[in-house]
């Protein structure tokens, strides 16, 4: 499978410009799947410490509108996340879009930060549901929305369930990028799966997003890493390699306690 990761700007005008560039890139690279950042279709509302219902509604509306534009990327499948309400609760829902089935929710973000720039626990609720694999373009995948990635027990659970791709939409800052890259490599190794991530880039006030989308192999090898000068990268991932990785060290030794 050909997978595209990206870094996309927080600024709406710049996002519109780069959206067109991303679609052109995905077409040139014959991408099968495009991974978007976390809640990409609106300014990062969770930078504010106090919940604002009007801004949440605007963000949710913007995501509904942009989901209708996913076919513009030209790929058979797109992964991302969006602010939605489910059962009377505000949540961050990971979604998969395919040409055949449209949009469906596949995961609710469960681990929420509460600190300057990332007051997510003040804006929406934890998912509170199991991490469940889903199928996309013939692959078994697992969604880990940003902070979810640090739950290595769930990364290993995904691996034990046969997941070959960990999808990690992010909104993470420049100040901690080295830590995130290290964590992405570990998640890949623990699961015995490819770990792919896309992130926000640019500024919002004093908050600087890191960019640096990535694809790591099941053994933590860097296959792709985006940058300001190269914000979109496409690589081929091999399901057979992910399946084989699960039979090798350290995966076979990581049995449940």
Protein backbone atom coordinates (compact mmCIF):
# COMPACT_ATOMS: atom_id res chain seq x y z
CA UNK A 1 0.00 0.00 0.00
CA UNK A 2 1.13 3.53 -0.78
CA UNK A 3 0.56 5.81 2.23
CA UNK A 4 0.92 9.60 2.39
CA UNK A 5 1.69 11.52 5.60
CA UNK A 6 1.76 15.28 5.90
CA UNK A 7 2.14 18.38 8.01
CA UNK A 8 -0.68 20.88 7.50
CA UNK A 9 -0.88 24.49 8.74
CA UNK A 10 -3.21 25.68 11.48
CA UNK A 11 -4.01 28.87 9.51
CA UNK A 12 -7.19 28.36 7.40
CA UNK A 13 -5.95 30.24 4.32
CA UNK A 14 -2.65 28.38 4.31
CA UNK A 15 -4.52 25.11 4.89
CA UNK A 16 -6.66 25.69 1.78
CA UNK A 17 -3.52 26.30 -0.27
CA UNK A 18 -1.75 23.21 1.05
CA UNK A 19 -4.88 21.08 0.67
CA UNK A 20 -4.65 21.55 -3.08
CA UNK A 21 -0.93 20.77 -3.00
CA UNK A 22 -1.56 17.65 -0.91
CA UNK A 23 -4.12 16.40 -3.42
CA UNK A 24 -1.72 17.00 -6.30
CA UNK A 25 1.03 15.16 -4.43
CA UNK A 26 -1.21 12.18 -3.62
CA UNK A 27 -2.21 11.94 -7.30
CA UNK A 28 1.39 12.06 -8.53
CA UNK A 29 2.46 9.44 -6.00
CA UNK A 30 -0.53 7.16 -6.69
CA UNK A 31 -1.33 7.15 -2.98
CA UNK A 32 -3.76 4.56 -1.63
CA UNK A 33 -4.25 6.26 1.73
CA UNK A 34 -3.75 9.80 3.02
CA UNK A 35 -3.39 10.38 6.76
CA UNK A 36 -4.41 13.83 8.04
CA UNK A 37 -3.47 15.54 11.34
CA UNK A 38 -5.70 15.64 14.42
CA UNK A 39 -8.91 17.71 13.96
CA UNK A 40 -7.27 19.44 10.96
CA UNK A 41 -10.13 21.45 9.48
CA UNK A 42 -10.30 24.32 11.97
CA UNK A 43 -8.00 26.36 14.21
CA UNK A 44 -6.78 24.39 17.23
CA UNK A 45 -9.58 25.32 19.65
CA UNK A 46 -8.06 23.41 22.56
CA UNK A 47 -5.33 26.03 23.01
CA UNK A 48 -7.85 28.00 25.11
CA UNK A 49 -8.12 26.92 28.77
CA UNK A 50 -11.88 27.57 28.93
CA UNK A 51 -14.44 25.76 26.83
CA UNK A 52 -16.29 27.93 24.30
CA UNK A 53 -19.47 26.33 22.97
CA UNK A 54 -19.67 28.62 19.92
CA UNK A 55 -16.12 27.79 18.85
CA UNK A 56 -16.72 24.08 19.37
CA UNK A 57 -19.85 24.27 17.20
CA UNK A 58 -17.94 26.19 14.52
CA UNK A 59 -15.15 23.61 14.56
CA UNK A 60 -17.61 20.71 14.33
CA UNK A 61 -19.42 22.40 11.44
CA UNK A 62 -16.15 23.06 9.59
CA UNK A 63 -15.20 19.40 9.90
CA UNK A 64 -18.58 18.29 8.56
CA UNK A 65 -18.10 20.56 5.54
CA UNK A 66 -14.52 19.48 4.90
CA UNK A 67 -15.37 15.79 5.15
CA UNK A 68 -17.44 16.28 2.00
CA UNK A 69 -14.24 17.45 0.29
CA UNK A 70 -12.18 14.34 1.09
CA UNK A 71 -12.63 12.98 -2.46
CA UNK A 72 -10.57 15.98 -3.64
CA UNK A 73 -7.44 14.27 -2.31
CA UNK A 74 -7.85 11.63 -5.00
CA UNK A 75 -6.86 8.68 -2.78
CA UNK A 76 -9.13 5.68 -2.20
CA UNK A 77 -8.93 6.20 1.58
CA UNK A 78 -8.34 9.06 4.05
CA UNK A 79 -7.87 8.90 7.82
CA UNK A 80 -8.21 11.76 10.31
CA UNK A 81 -10.21 12.95 13.31
CA UNK A 82 -13.00 15.41 14.01
CA UNK A 83 -14.84 17.07 16.92
CA UNK A 84 -18.29 15.46 17.16
CA UNK A 85 -21.05 14.75 19.66
CA UNK A 86 -21.91 11.15 20.44
CA UNK A 87 -24.57 10.16 22.94
CA UNK A 88 -24.77 13.71 24.27
CA UNK A 89 -20.99 13.92 24.84
CA UNK A 90 -18.37 15.97 23.02
CA UNK A 91 -15.60 13.70 21.75
CA UNK A 92 -12.67 13.59 19.33
CA UNK A 93 -13.55 10.88 16.82
CA UNK A 94 -11.05 9.17 14.55
CA UNK A 95 -12.59 8.47 11.16
CA UNK A 96 -11.88 6.57 7.97
CA UNK A 97 -13.23 7.71 4.61
CA UNK A 98 -13.27 5.47 1.56
CA UNK A 99 -14.68 5.97 -1.89
CA UNK A 100 -16.84 2.89 -1.43
CA UNK A 101 -18.27 3.54 2.04
CA UNK A 102 -17.89 7.25 2.77
CA UNK A 103 -17.03 8.35 6.33
CA UNK A 104 -17.30 6.16 9.40
CA UNK A 105 -16.05 6.64 12.94
CA UNK A 106 -13.52 4.08 14.13
CA UNK A 107 -12.09 5.37 17.43
CA UNK A 108 -12.68 7.92 20.20
CA UNK A 109 -9.64 9.62 21.72
CA UNK A 110 -9.19 8.33 25.25
CA UNK A 111 -6.16 10.06 26.79
CA UNK A 112 -6.54 13.82 27.10
CA UNK A 113 -3.90 16.38 28.12
CA UNK A 114 -4.63 19.42 30.26
CA UNK A 115 -1.79 21.94 29.98
CA UNK A 116 -0.94 25.22 28.21
CA UNK A 117 -1.82 24.97 24.53
CA UNK A 118 -3.54 21.60 24.98
CA UNK A 119 -6.54 21.91 27.31
CA UNK A 120 -8.36 19.02 25.67
CA UNK A 121 -9.82 17.63 28.89
CA UNK A 122 -11.65 20.97 29.29
CA UNK A 123 -13.11 20.78 25.79
CA UNK A 124 -14.34 17.22 25.35
CA UNK A 125 -14.69 13.86 27.06
CA UNK A 126 -12.55 10.74 27.04
CA UNK A 127 -13.73 8.06 24.65
CA UNK A 128 -13.91 5.37 27.29
CA UNK A 129 -14.14 2.60 24.70
CA UNK A 130 -11.74 -0.22 23.78
CA UNK A 131 -9.13 0.30 21.08
CA UNK A 132 -10.66 -1.72 18.24
CA UNK A 133 -8.98 -2.49 14.89
CA UNK A 134 -10.66 -1.53 11.64
CA UNK A 135 -10.17 -2.46 7.99
CA UNK A 136 -8.97 -0.03 5.35
CA UNK A 137 -7.80 -0.87 1.83
CA UNK A 138 -7.18 -4.48 2.72
CA UNK A 139 -5.19 -3.67 5.86
CA UNK A 140 -6.09 -4.12 9.49
CA UNK A 141 -5.36 -0.77 11.14
CA UNK A 142 -5.53 0.75 14.61
CA UNK A 143 -6.18 4.41 15.40
CA UNK A 144 -4.27 6.15 18.20
CA UNK A 145 -5.18 9.83 18.38
CA UNK A 146 -2.13 11.83 19.46
CA UNK A 147 -1.73 11.17 23.23
CA UNK A 148 -3.29 7.73 22.75
CA UNK A 149 0.00 6.70 21.16
CA UNK A 150 1.69 6.66 24.57
CA UNK A 151 -0.56 3.82 25.72
CA UNK A 152 1.93 1.12 24.76
CA UNK A 153 -0.31 -1.58 26.23
CA UNK A 154 -2.89 -0.68 23.59
CA UNK A 155 -0.21 -0.59 20.88
CA UNK A 156 0.74 -4.12 21.89
CA UNK A 157 -2.93 -5.13 22.01
CA UNK A 158 -3.34 -3.88 18.45
CA UNK A 159 -0.31 -5.90 17.41
CA UNK A 160 -1.66 -9.06 19.03
CA UNK A 161 -4.90 -8.54 17.11
CA UNK A 162 -3.04 -8.51 13.80
CA UNK A 163 -2.90 -4.76 13.15
CA UNK A 164 -0.32 -3.89 10.50
CA UNK A 165 -0.72 -0.10 10.61
CA UNK A 166 -0.93 2.27 13.57
CA UNK A 167 -2.47 5.59 12.44
CA UNK A 168 -1.57 8.54 14.69
CA UNK A 169 -3.14 11.91 13.75
CA UNK A 170 -1.39 14.55 15.92
CA UNK A 171 -1.47 18.15 17.10
CA UNK A 172 1.89 18.32 18.88
CA UNK A 173 4.28 21.21 19.59
CA UNK A 174 7.82 21.86 18.48
CA UNK A 175 9.09 21.80 22.06
CA UNK A 176 8.50 18.05 22.42
CA UNK A 177 9.12 16.75 18.90
CA UNK A 178 12.12 14.58 19.82
CA UNK A 179 10.02 12.79 22.44
CA UNK A 180 7.20 12.18 19.97
CA UNK A 181 9.48 10.76 17.30
CA UNK A 182 11.02 8.41 19.87
CA UNK A 183 7.55 7.35 21.04
CA UNK A 184 6.38 6.67 17.50
CA UNK A 185 9.32 4.36 16.90
CA UNK A 186 8.65 2.48 20.14
CA UNK A 187 4.94 2.10 19.35
CA UNK A 188 5.87 0.57 15.98
CA UNK A 189 8.27 -1.88 17.60
CA UNK A 190 5.88 -2.83 20.40
CA UNK A 191 3.03 -3.50 17.95
CA UNK A 192 5.15 -5.03 15.21
CA UNK A 193 3.34 -2.65 12.85
CA UNK A 194 4.03 0.37 10.70
CA UNK A 195 3.43 3.59 12.63
CA UNK A 196 2.25 6.50 10.48
CA UNK A 197 1.54 10.00 11.78
CA UNK A 198 0.61 13.41 10.40
CA UNK A 199 0.79 16.63 12.41
CA UNK A 200 -0.17 20.27 12.42
CA UNK A 201 2.46 22.83 11.48
CA UNK A 202 2.91 26.58 11.82
CA UNK A 203 1.91 28.90 14.64
CA UNK A 204 -1.11 29.85 16.72
CA UNK A 205 -0.10 32.77 18.92
CA UNK A 206 2.82 31.56 21.01
CA UNK A 207 2.07 27.93 20.20
CA UNK A 208 4.33 26.45 17.56
CA UNK A 209 3.26 23.15 16.05
CA UNK A 210 6.06 20.77 15.14
CA UNK A 211 4.96 19.32 11.83
CA UNK A 212 7.13 16.24 11.24
CA UNK A 213 4.75 13.61 9.96
CA UNK A 214 6.39 10.20 9.84
CA UNK A 215 6.24 6.58 8.80
CA UNK A 216 8.27 4.08 10.85
CA UNK A 217 8.74 0.42 9.99
CA UNK A 218 7.68 -2.38 12.38
CA UNK A 219 11.26 -2.35 13.69
CA UNK A 220 11.36 1.43 14.20
CA UNK A 221 13.25 2.33 11.02
CA UNK A 222 12.48 5.81 9.68
CA UNK A 223 10.86 5.47 6.26
CA UNK A 224 9.50 9.00 5.97
CA UNK A 225 9.72 12.27 7.87
CA UNK A 226 8.10 15.48 6.65
CA UNK A 227 9.57 18.96 6.97
CA UNK A 228 8.71 22.55 6.07
CA UNK A 229 10.40 22.11 2.71
CA UNK A 230 8.86 18.66 2.17
CA UNK A 231 5.45 18.70 3.89
CA UNK A 232 4.06 15.63 2.08
CA UNK A 233 5.78 12.25 1.83
CA UNK A 234 4.53 8.98 0.33
CA UNK A 235 6.06 5.55 0.90
CA UNK A 236 5.12 1.95 0.23
CA UNK A 237 4.39 -0.29 3.21
CA UNK A 238 4.39 -4.09 3.05
CA UNK A 239 1.81 -6.16 4.93
CA UNK A 240 4.00 -9.27 4.79
CA UNK A 241 6.77 -7.45 6.66
CA UNK A 242 4.34 -6.37 9.39
CA UNK A 243 3.03 -9.93 9.71
CA UNK A 244 6.56 -11.33 9.95
CA UNK A 245 7.60 -8.73 12.55
CA UNK A 246 5.03 -10.08 14.96
CA UNK A 247 6.91 -13.40 15.09
CA UNK A 248 10.25 -11.79 15.96
CA UNK A 249 11.82 -10.22 19.04
CA UNK A 250 10.61 -8.47 21.11
CA UNK A 251 7.01 -9.06 20.01
CA UNK A 252 6.85 -12.80 20.72
CA UNK A 253 8.07 -12.18 24.28
CA UNK A 254 5.49 -9.48 25.06
CA UNK A 255 2.68 -11.69 26.19
CA UNK A 256 -0.01 -10.33 28.55
CA UNK A 257 0.81 -10.68 32.26
